[in-house]
Each structure stands twice: as structure tokens, then as C-alpha cells.
Amino acid sequence: MKENYFIDINDGSTTKNIQAILNKNAKKDFGYGASIEVNGILSLSPKGNYELKVEDIQTIGTYKFNLY
């Protein structure tokens, strides 16, 4: 069983995402499209992309949509 969740984060300033690594035991009350605030350690992944090892995460807002 995997020990971590991998979250793609994008603030809209670029087309590239940053991968955030969240421990599976961490509290998570958000889903796809949510606004979150993340603090942690930024480093390079083995593939050369940036990744953030999450130390603290808070949900700012959840994504809601209407079906017409």
C-alpha cells in the first residue's frame, strides 16, 4: 500500500504543475479543484521537476459546480 498521496498544484501563472507529496495519514478534507494553502520543503524530483514535501496543508475553499 502506498504511503503518500501525490497532488498536482497549479496557481494559473504557468502551464506546469508542482507535485505535492502528502503523507497518507494527513488530514485531507478537499477534492479536485479545491483551493488549498500548502507549506513544506521544495526540492527537485529524480526526473528534474519541482516537488513539495507537504508539512502543513489547509483547505481555503472547495470546488463546486452546477449541472444544468
PDB file of N, CA and C in Angstrom:
ATOM      1  N   MET A   1       0.833  -1.179   0.000  1.00  0.00           N
ATOM      2  CA  MET A   1       0.000   0.000   0.000  1.00  0.00           C
ATOM      3  C   MET A   1       0.881   1.248   0.000  1.00  0.00           C
ATOM      4  N   LYS A   2       0.490   2.237  -0.779  1.00  0.00           N
ATOM      5  CA  LYS A   2       1.265   3.473  -0.867  1.00  0.00           C
ATOM      6  C   LYS A   2       1.185   4.271   0.425  1.00  0.00           C
ATOM      7  N   GLU A   3       2.268   4.956   0.745  1.00  0.00           N
ATOM      8  CA  GLU A   3       2.332   5.751   1.965  1.00  0.00           C
ATOM      9  C   GLU A   3       2.002   7.214   1.729  1.00  0.00           C
ATOM     10  N   ASN A   4       1.948   7.649   0.467  1.00  0.00           N
ATOM     11  CA  ASN A   4       1.762   9.058   0.147  1.00  0.00           C
ATOM     12  C   ASN A   4       0.689   9.267  -0.906  1.00  0.00           C
ATOM     13  N   TYR A   5       0.114  10.480  -0.885  1.00  0.00           N
ATOM     14  CA  TYR A   5      -0.746  10.964  -1.957  1.00  0.00           C
ATOM     15  C   TYR A   5       0.080  11.951  -2.773  1.00  0.00           C
ATOM     16  N   PHE A   6      -0.165  12.010  -4.052  1.00  0.00           N
ATOM     17  CA  PHE A   6       0.520  12.945  -4.926  1.00  0.00           C
ATOM     18  C   PHE A   6      -0.516  13.905  -5.490  1.00  0.00           C
ATOM     19  N   ILE A   7      -0.313  15.200  -5.255  1.00  0.00           N
ATOM     20  CA  ILE A   7      -1.267  16.224  -5.636  1.00  0.00           C
ATOM     21  C   ILE A   7      -0.604  17.151  -6.648  1.00  0.00           C
ATOM     22  N   ASP A   8      -1.262  17.399  -7.779  1.00  0.00           N
ATOM     23  CA  ASP A   8      -0.785  18.379  -8.744  1.00  0.00           C
ATOM     24  C   ASP A   8      -1.364  19.735  -8.376  1.00  0.00           C
ATOM     25  N   ILE A   9      -0.475  20.716  -8.196  1.00  0.00           N
ATOM     26  CA  ILE A   9      -0.876  22.056  -7.810  1.00  0.00           C
ATOM     27  C   ILE A   9      -0.557  23.013  -8.944  1.00  0.00           C
ATOM     28  N   ASN A  10      -1.513  23.909  -9.240  1.00  0.00           N
ATOM     29  CA  ASN A  10      -1.309  24.919 -10.267  1.00  0.00           C
ATOM     30  C   ASN A  10      -2.003  26.195  -9.832  1.00  0.00           C
ATOM     31  N   ASP A  11      -1.268  27.308  -9.869  1.00  0.00           N
ATOM     32  CA  ASP A  11      -1.855  28.595  -9.479  1.00  0.00           C
ATOM     33  C   ASP A  11      -2.286  29.416 -10.689  1.00  0.00           C
ATOM     34  N   GLY A  12      -2.155  28.859 -11.882  1.00  0.00           N
ATOM     35  CA  GLY A  12      -2.588  29.541 -13.093  1.00  0.00           C
ATOM     36  C   GLY A  12      -1.543  30.446 -13.710  1.00  0.00           C
ATOM     37  N   SER A  13      -0.396  30.623 -13.060  1.00  0.00           N
ATOM     38  CA  SER A  13       0.630  31.514 -13.594  1.00  0.00           C
ATOM     39  C   SER A  13       1.490  30.846 -14.658  1.00  0.00           C
ATOM     40  N   THR A  14       1.375  29.530 -14.785  1.00  0.00           N
ATOM     41  CA  THR A  14       2.136  28.774 -15.768  1.00  0.00           C
ATOM     42  C   THR A  14       1.354  27.512 -16.116  1.00  0.00           C
ATOM     43  N   THR A  15       1.729  26.870 -17.204  1.00  0.00           N
ATOM     44  CA  THR A  15       1.039  25.635 -17.587  1.00  0.00           C
ATOM     45  C   THR A  15       1.575  24.426 -16.838  1.00  0.00           C
ATOM     46  N   LYS A  16       2.713  24.587 -16.172  1.00  0.00           N
ATOM     47  CA  LYS A  16       3.309  23.466 -15.436  1.00  0.00           C
ATOM     48  C   LYS A  16       2.745  23.372 -14.024  1.00  0.00           C
ATOM     49  N   ASN A  17       2.596  22.163 -13.552  1.00  0.00           N
ATOM     50  CA  ASN A  17       2.155  21.908 -12.185  1.00  0.00           C
ATOM     51  C   ASN A  17       3.352  21.643 -11.285  1.00  0.00           C
ATOM     52  N   ILE A  18       3.147  21.826  -9.998  1.00  0.00           N
ATOM     53  CA  ILE A  18       4.105  21.373  -8.991  1.00  0.00           C
ATOM     54  C   ILE A  18       3.466  20.180  -8.304  1.00  0.00           C
ATOM     55  N   GLN A  19       4.223  19.130  -8.147  1.00  0.00           N
ATOM     56  CA  GLN A  19       3.712  17.948  -7.455  1.00  0.00           C
ATOM     57  C   GLN A  19       3.953  18.090  -5.963  1.00  0.00           C
ATOM     58  N   ALA A  20       2.885  17.967  -5.200  1.00  0.00           N
ATOM     59  CA  ALA A  20       2.982  17.991  -3.749  1.00  0.00           C
ATOM     60  C   ALA A  20       2.819  16.570  -3.239  1.00  0.00           C
ATOM     61  N   ILE A  21       3.647  16.203  -2.280  1.00  0.00           N
ATOM     62  CA  ILE A  21       3.614  14.859  -1.702  1.00  0.00           C
ATOM     63  C   ILE A  21       3.049  14.979  -0.296  1.00  0.00           C
ATOM     64  N   LEU A  22       1.910  14.319  -0.083  1.00  0.00           N
ATOM     65  CA  LEU A  22       1.198  14.396   1.180  1.00  0.00           C
ATOM     66  C   LEU A  22       1.160  13.021   1.821  1.00  0.00           C
ATOM     67  N   ASN A  23       1.570  12.951   3.088  1.00  0.00           N
ATOM     68  CA  ASN A  23       1.519  11.691   3.824  1.00  0.00           C
ATOM     69  C   ASN A  23       0.087  11.184   3.883  1.00  0.00           C
ATOM     70  N   LYS A  24      -0.099   9.902   3.674  1.00  0.00           N
ATOM     71  CA  LYS A  24      -1.437   9.314   3.627  1.00  0.00           C
ATOM     72  C   LYS A  24      -2.195   9.478   4.942  1.00  0.00           C
ATOM     73  N   ASN A  25      -1.496   9.648   6.049  1.00  0.00           N
ATOM     74  CA  ASN A  25      -2.144   9.807   7.352  1.00  0.00           C
ATOM     75  C   ASN A  25      -2.575  11.243   7.633  1.00  0.00           C
ATOM     76  N   ALA A  26      -2.201  12.188   6.766  1.00  0.00           N
ATOM     77  CA  ALA A  26      -2.546  13.594   6.978  1.00  0.00           C
ATOM     78  C   ALA A  26      -4.037  13.819   6.762  1.00  0.00           C
ATOM     79  N   LYS A  27      -4.574  14.800   7.479  1.00  0.00           N
ATOM     80  CA  LYS A  27      -5.986  15.148   7.317  1.00  0.00           C
ATOM     81  C   LYS A  27      -6.181  15.768   5.943  1.00  0.00           C
ATOM     82  N   LYS A  28      -7.168  15.274   5.210  1.00  0.00           N
ATOM     83  CA  LYS A  28      -7.457  15.825   3.891  1.00  0.00           C
ATOM     84  C   LYS A  28      -8.961  15.978   3.739  1.00  0.00           C
ATOM     85  N   ASP A  29      -9.395  17.221   3.649  1.00  0.00           N
ATOM     86  CA  ASP A  29     -10.812  17.498   3.508  1.00  0.00           C
ATOM     87  C   ASP A  29     -11.065  18.317   2.242  1.00  0.00           C
ATOM     88  N   PHE A  30     -10.393  17.934   1.172  1.00  0.00           N
ATOM     89  CA  PHE A  30     -10.516  18.646  -0.092  1.00  0.00           C
ATOM     90  C   PHE A  30     -10.568  17.636  -1.230  1.00  0.00           C
ATOM     91  N   GLY A  31     -10.964  18.124  -2.368  1.00  0.00           N
ATOM     92  CA  GLY A  31     -11.030  17.284  -3.558  1.00  0.00           C
ATOM     93  C   GLY A  31     -10.538  18.047  -4.773  1.00  0.00           C
ATOM     94  N   TYR A  32     -10.822  17.503  -5.932  1.00  0.00           N
ATOM     95  CA  TYR A  32     -10.390  18.096  -7.197  1.00  0.00           C
ATOM     96  C   TYR A  32     -10.887  19.539  -7.308  1.00  0.00           C
ATOM     97  N   GLY A  33      -9.987  20.447  -7.672  1.00  0.00           N
ATOM     98  CA  GLY A  33     -10.349  21.837  -7.891  1.00  0.00           C
ATOM     99  C   GLY A  33     -10.410  22.695  -6.649  1.00  0.00           C
ATOM    100  N   ALA A  34     -10.068  22.161  -5.494  1.00  0.00           N
ATOM    101  CA  ALA A  34     -10.130  22.929  -4.247  1.00  0.00           C
ATOM    102  C   ALA A  34      -9.002  23.957  -4.198  1.00  0.00           C
ATOM    103  N   SER A  35      -9.222  25.009  -3.434  1.00  0.00           N
ATOM    104  CA  SER A  35      -8.184  25.994  -3.138  1.00  0.00           C
ATOM    105  C   SER A  35      -7.537  25.579  -1.828  1.00  0.00           C
ATOM    106  N   ILE A  36      -6.220  25.399  -1.863  1.00  0.00           N
ATOM    107  CA  ILE A  36      -5.507  24.965  -0.668  1.00  0.00           C
ATOM    108  C   ILE A  36      -4.286  25.842  -0.427  1.00  0.00           C
ATOM    109  N   GLU A  37      -3.853  25.880   0.814  1.00  0.00           N
ATOM    110  CA  GLU A  37      -2.596  26.530   1.183  1.00  0.00           C
ATOM    111  C   GLU A  37      -1.672  25.434   1.680  1.00  0.00           C
ATOM    112  N   VAL A  38      -0.473  25.367   1.086  1.00  0.00           N
ATOM    113  CA  VAL A  38       0.451  24.284   1.379  1.00  0.00           C
ATOM    114  C   VAL A  38       1.792  24.857   1.810  1.00  0.00           C
ATOM    115  N   ASN A  39       2.351  24.308   2.868  1.00  0.00           N
ATOM    116  CA  ASN A  39       3.698  24.660   3.318  1.00  0.00           C
ATOM    117  C   ASN A  39       4.519  23.384   3.383  1.00  0.00           C
ATOM    118  N   GLY A  40       5.799  23.487   3.015  1.00  0.00           N
ATOM    119  CA  GLY A  40       6.655  22.317   3.063  1.00  0.00           C
ATOM    120  C   GLY A  40       8.033  22.605   2.510  1.00  0.00           C
ATOM    121  N   ILE A  41       8.709  21.545   2.128  1.00  0.00           N
ATOM    122  CA  ILE A  41      10.081  21.639   1.624  1.00  0.00           C
ATOM    123  C   ILE A  41      10.074  21.419   0.122  1.00  0.00           C
ATOM    124  N   LEU A  42      10.579  22.413  -0.620  1.00  0.00           N
ATOM    125  CA  LEU A  42      10.644  22.345  -2.076  1.00  0.00           C
ATOM    126  C   LEU A  42      11.970  21.734  -2.492  1.00  0.00           C
ATOM    127  N   SER A  43      11.914  20.755  -3.408  1.00  0.00           N
ATOM    128  CA  SER A  43      13.138  20.111  -3.887  1.00  0.00           C
ATOM    129  C   SER A  43      12.934  19.646  -5.322  1.00  0.00           C
ATOM    130  N   LEU A  44      13.977  19.107  -5.921  1.00  0.00           N
ATOM    131  CA  LEU A  44      13.882  18.536  -7.261  1.00  0.00           C
ATOM    132  C   LEU A  44      13.615  17.044  -7.164  1.00  0.00           C
ATOM    133  N   SER A  45      12.720  16.566  -8.004  1.00  0.00           N
ATOM    134  CA  SER A  45      12.443  15.132  -8.063  1.00  0.00           C
ATOM    135  C   SER A  45      13.550  14.451  -8.865  1.00  0.00           C
ATOM    136  N   PRO A  46      13.613  13.128  -8.838  1.00  0.00           N
ATOM    137  CA  PRO A  46      14.615  12.413  -9.643  1.00  0.00           C
ATOM    138  C   PRO A  46      14.496  12.710 -11.140  1.00  0.00           C
ATOM    139  N   LYS A  47      13.307  13.104 -11.596  1.00  0.00           N
ATOM    140  CA  LYS A  47      13.102  13.436 -13.008  1.00  0.00           C
ATOM    141  C   LYS A  47      13.440  14.893 -13.318  1.00  0.00           C
ATOM    142  N   GLY A  48      13.837  15.669 -12.308  1.00  0.00           N
ATOM    143  CA  GLY A  48      14.231  17.060 -12.519  1.00  0.00           C
ATOM    144  C   GLY A  48      13.110  18.069 -12.378  1.00  0.00           C
ATOM    145  N   ASN A  49      11.924  17.633 -11.976  1.00  0.00           N
ATOM    146  CA  ASN A  49      10.800  18.546 -11.754  1.00  0.00           C
ATOM    147  C   ASN A  49      10.765  18.967 -10.287  1.00  0.00           C
ATOM    148  N   TYR A  50      10.144  20.109 -10.035  1.00  0.00           N
ATOM    149  CA  TYR A  50       9.988  20.537  -8.648  1.00  0.00           C
ATOM    150  C   TYR A  50       8.897  19.725  -7.958  1.00  0.00           C
ATOM    151  N   GLU A  51       9.119  19.431  -6.695  1.00  0.00           N
ATOM    152  CA  GLU A  51       8.110  18.778  -5.877  1.00  0.00           C
ATOM    153  C   GLU A  51       8.161  19.376  -4.483  1.00  0.00           C
ATOM    154  N   LEU A  52       7.037  19.333  -3.805  1.00  0.00           N
ATOM    155  CA  LEU A  52       6.916  19.917  -2.480  1.00  0.00           C
ATOM    156  C   LEU A  52       6.498  18.839  -1.500  1.00  0.00           C
ATOM    157  N   LYS A  53       7.356  18.565  -0.512  1.00  0.00           N
ATOM    158  CA  LYS A  53       7.003  17.612   0.541  1.00  0.00           C
ATOM    159  C   LYS A  53       6.185  18.381   1.578  1.00  0.00           C
ATOM    160  N   VAL A  54       4.898  18.066   1.655  1.00  0.00           N
ATOM    161  CA  VAL A  54       3.950  18.836   2.458  1.00  0.00           C
ATOM    162  C   VAL A  54       4.178  18.597   3.948  1.00  0.00           C
ATOM    163  N   GLU A  55       4.308  19.704   4.683  1.00  0.00           N
ATOM    164  CA  GLU A  55       4.388  19.658   6.140  1.00  0.00           C
ATOM    165  C   GLU A  55       3.092  20.157   6.765  1.00  0.00           C
ATOM    166  N   ASP A  56       2.391  21.061   6.061  1.00  0.00           N
ATOM    167  CA  ASP A  56       1.131  21.601   6.557  1.00  0.00           C
ATOM    168  C   ASP A  56       0.245  21.928   5.360  1.00  0.00           C
ATOM    169  N   ILE A  57      -1.035  21.585   5.454  1.00  0.00           N
ATOM    170  CA  ILE A  57      -1.980  21.866   4.374  1.00  0.00           C
ATOM    171  C   ILE A  57      -3.302  22.311   4.973  1.00  0.00           C
ATOM    172  N   GLN A  58      -3.886  23.360   4.384  1.00  0.00           N
ATOM    173  CA  GLN A  58      -5.178  23.856   4.846  1.00  0.00           C
ATOM    174  C   GLN A  58      -6.078  24.087   3.638  1.00  0.00           C
ATOM    175  N   THR A  59      -7.339  23.763   3.787  1.00  0.00           N
ATOM    176  CA  THR A  59      -8.311  23.988   2.729  1.00  0.00           C
ATOM    177  C   THR A  59      -8.864  25.402   2.840  1.00  0.00           C
ATOM    178  N   ILE A  60      -8.782  26.160   1.749  1.00  0.00           N
ATOM    179  CA  ILE A  60      -9.318  27.517   1.689  1.00  0.00           C
ATOM    180  C   ILE A  60     -10.763  27.475   1.176  1.00  0.00           C
ATOM    181  N   GLY A  61     -10.986  26.700   0.124  1.00  0.00           N
ATOM    182  CA  GLY A  61     -12.320  26.572  -0.454  1.00  0.00           C
ATOM    183  C   GLY A  61     -12.424  25.288  -1.262  1.00  0.00           C
ATOM    184  N   THR A  62     -13.635  24.803  -1.402  1.00  0.00           N
ATOM    185  CA  THR A  62     -13.853  23.590  -2.183  1.00  0.00           C
ATOM    186  C   THR A  62     -14.451  23.951  -3.526  1.00  0.00           C
ATOM    187  N   TYR A  63     -14.265  23.093  -4.489  1.00  0.00           N
ATOM    188  CA  TYR A  63     -14.776  23.313  -5.839  1.00  0.00           C
ATOM    189  C   TYR A  63     -16.221  22.868  -5.896  1.00  0.00           C
ATOM    190  N   LYS A  64     -17.077  23.753  -6.353  1.00  0.00           N
ATOM    191  CA  LYS A  64     -18.483  23.428  -6.501  1.00  0.00           C
ATOM    192  C   LYS A  64     -18.902  23.778  -7.913  1.00  0.00           C
ATOM    193  N   PHE A  65     -19.722  22.951  -8.505  1.00  0.00           N
ATOM    194  CA  PHE A  65     -20.183  23.229  -9.847  1.00  0.00           C
ATOM    195  C   PHE A  65     -21.661  22.891  -9.950  1.00  0.00           C
ATOM    196  N   ASN A  66     -22.294  23.520 -10.908  1.00  0.00           N
ATOM    197  CA  ASN A  66     -23.713  23.300 -11.131  1.00  0.00           C
ATOM    198  C   ASN A  66     -23.903  22.475 -12.399  1.00  0.00           C
ATOM    199  N   LEU A  67     -24.785  21.536 -12.360  1.00  0.00           N
ATOM    200  CA  LEU A  67     -25.164  20.792 -13.545  1.00  0.00           C
ATOM    201  C   LEU A  67     -26.478  21.375 -14.041  1.00  0.00           C
ATOM    202  N   TYR A  68     -26.503  21.799 -15.272  1.00  0.00           N
ATOM    203  CA  TYR A  68     -27.716  22.418 -15.821  1.00  0.00           C
ATOM    204  C   TYR A  68     -28.484  21.428 -16.638  1.00  0.00           C
TER     205      TYR A  68
END
